[in-house]
Amino acid sequence: MLNSSVSLSFKFFSVSIIFHICNLLKVVAIFFIGNFNILERIEI
């Protein structure tokens, strides 16, 4: 019983970590795309 609950919590923990990493990557990508657009406007 203890092993199953530990593995379940570990799965939930890893899924939440993957979710947070995906959100972080999304924010970083949006930030870089925004900066790239600003740089292009300045060059023009």
N, C-alpha and C. Protein backbone atom coordinates (compact mmCIF):
# COMPACT_ATOMS: atom_id res chain seq x y z
N MET A 1 0.84 -1.20 0.00
CA MET A 1 0.00 0.00 0.00
C MET A 1 0.87 1.25 0.00
N LEU A 2 1.92 1.22 0.82
CA LEU A 2 2.80 2.39 0.92
C LEU A 2 3.51 2.64 -0.41
N ASN A 3 3.98 1.56 -1.03
CA ASN A 3 4.71 1.71 -2.30
C ASN A 3 3.82 2.32 -3.38
N SER A 4 2.57 1.88 -3.46
CA SER A 4 1.67 2.39 -4.51
C SER A 4 1.40 3.88 -4.29
N SER A 5 1.20 4.29 -3.04
CA SER A 5 0.93 5.70 -2.77
C SER A 5 2.16 6.55 -3.07
N VAL A 6 3.34 6.02 -2.76
CA VAL A 6 4.58 6.76 -3.04
C VAL A 6 4.77 6.92 -4.54
N SER A 7 4.55 5.84 -5.30
CA SER A 7 4.72 5.92 -6.75
C SER A 7 3.68 6.87 -7.36
N LEU A 8 2.46 6.86 -6.80
CA LEU A 8 1.41 7.75 -7.31
C LEU A 8 1.80 9.20 -7.07
N SER A 9 2.28 9.52 -5.87
CA SER A 9 2.67 10.90 -5.57
C SER A 9 3.87 11.30 -6.42
N PHE A 10 4.77 10.35 -6.68
CA PHE A 10 5.94 10.64 -7.51
C PHE A 10 5.51 10.95 -8.94
N LYS A 11 4.53 10.18 -9.47
CA LYS A 11 4.01 10.45 -10.81
C LYS A 11 3.39 11.83 -10.86
N PHE A 12 2.58 12.17 -9.87
CA PHE A 12 1.93 13.49 -9.83
C PHE A 12 2.98 14.59 -9.77
N PHE A 13 4.04 14.37 -8.97
CA PHE A 13 5.12 15.34 -8.81
C PHE A 13 5.84 15.56 -10.14
N SER A 14 6.17 14.46 -10.84
CA SER A 14 6.88 14.58 -12.12
C SER A 14 5.99 15.26 -13.17
N VAL A 15 4.70 14.95 -13.16
CA VAL A 15 3.78 15.58 -14.12
C VAL A 15 3.70 17.08 -13.85
N SER A 16 3.64 17.47 -12.58
CA SER A 16 3.57 18.90 -12.26
C SER A 16 4.86 19.61 -12.65
N ILE A 17 6.00 18.93 -12.48
CA ILE A 17 7.29 19.52 -12.87
C ILE A 17 7.32 19.72 -14.39
N ILE A 18 6.86 18.73 -15.15
CA ILE A 18 6.84 18.84 -16.61
C ILE A 18 5.92 19.99 -17.02
N PHE A 19 4.77 20.11 -16.34
CA PHE A 19 3.82 21.18 -16.65
C PHE A 19 4.46 22.55 -16.40
N HIS A 20 5.16 22.70 -15.25
CA HIS A 20 5.80 23.97 -14.94
C HIS A 20 6.90 24.29 -15.94
N ILE A 21 7.67 23.28 -16.35
CA ILE A 21 8.74 23.50 -17.33
C ILE A 21 8.15 23.96 -18.66
N CYS A 22 7.04 23.35 -19.07
CA CYS A 22 6.40 23.75 -20.33
C CYS A 22 5.92 25.19 -20.25
N ASN A 23 5.32 25.58 -19.12
CA ASN A 23 4.87 26.97 -18.95
C ASN A 23 6.04 27.93 -18.99
N LEU A 24 7.15 27.56 -18.34
CA LEU A 24 8.34 28.41 -18.31
C LEU A 24 8.89 28.58 -19.73
N LEU A 25 8.96 27.47 -20.49
CA LEU A 25 9.46 27.55 -21.87
C LEU A 25 8.55 28.44 -22.72
N LYS A 26 7.23 28.34 -22.49
CA LYS A 26 6.29 29.16 -23.24
C LYS A 26 6.53 30.65 -22.96
N VAL A 27 6.72 30.99 -21.69
CA VAL A 27 6.96 32.38 -21.31
C VAL A 27 8.27 32.88 -21.93
N VAL A 28 9.31 32.05 -21.87
CA VAL A 28 10.61 32.44 -22.44
C VAL A 28 10.49 32.63 -23.95
N ALA A 29 9.77 31.73 -24.62
CA ALA A 29 9.60 31.85 -26.07
C ALA A 29 8.86 33.13 -26.42
N ILE A 30 7.79 33.44 -25.69
CA ILE A 30 7.02 34.67 -25.94
C ILE A 30 7.92 35.89 -25.72
N PHE A 31 8.73 35.85 -24.66
CA PHE A 31 9.63 36.96 -24.35
C PHE A 31 10.64 37.18 -25.47
N PHE A 32 11.25 36.07 -25.95
CA PHE A 32 12.25 36.19 -27.02
C PHE A 32 11.61 36.65 -28.32
N ILE A 33 10.41 36.15 -28.63
CA ILE A 33 9.73 36.56 -29.86
C ILE A 33 9.39 38.05 -29.79
N GLY A 34 8.94 38.51 -28.63
CA GLY A 34 8.64 39.94 -28.46
C GLY A 34 9.87 40.79 -28.64
N ASN A 35 11.00 40.38 -28.06
CA ASN A 35 12.24 41.14 -28.21
C ASN A 35 12.70 41.15 -29.66
N PHE A 36 12.55 40.02 -30.36
CA PHE A 36 12.97 39.92 -31.76
C PHE A 36 12.15 40.88 -32.61
N ASN A 37 10.84 40.96 -32.36
CA ASN A 37 9.98 41.87 -33.11
C ASN A 37 10.38 43.32 -32.86
N ILE A 38 10.71 43.65 -31.62
CA ILE A 38 11.13 45.02 -31.28
C ILE A 38 12.42 45.35 -32.02
N LEU A 39 13.37 44.40 -32.06
CA LEU A 39 14.64 44.63 -32.76
C LEU A 39 14.40 44.85 -34.25
N GLU A 40 13.50 44.07 -34.84
CA GLU A 40 13.21 44.24 -36.27
C GLU A 40 12.62 45.62 -36.53
N ARG A 41 11.74 46.10 -35.66
CA ARG A 41 11.14 47.42 -35.85
C ARG A 41 12.19 48.51 -35.75
N ILE A 42 13.13 48.35 -34.83
CA ILE A 42 14.18 49.37 -34.67
C ILE A 42 15.05 49.42 -35.93
N GLU A 43 15.38 48.26 -36.51
CA GLU A 43 16.21 48.23 -37.71
C GLU A 43 15.51 48.92 -38.87
N ILE A 44 14.20 48.75 -38.97
CA ILE A 44 13.42 49.39 -40.05
C ILE A 44 13.28 50.87 -39.72
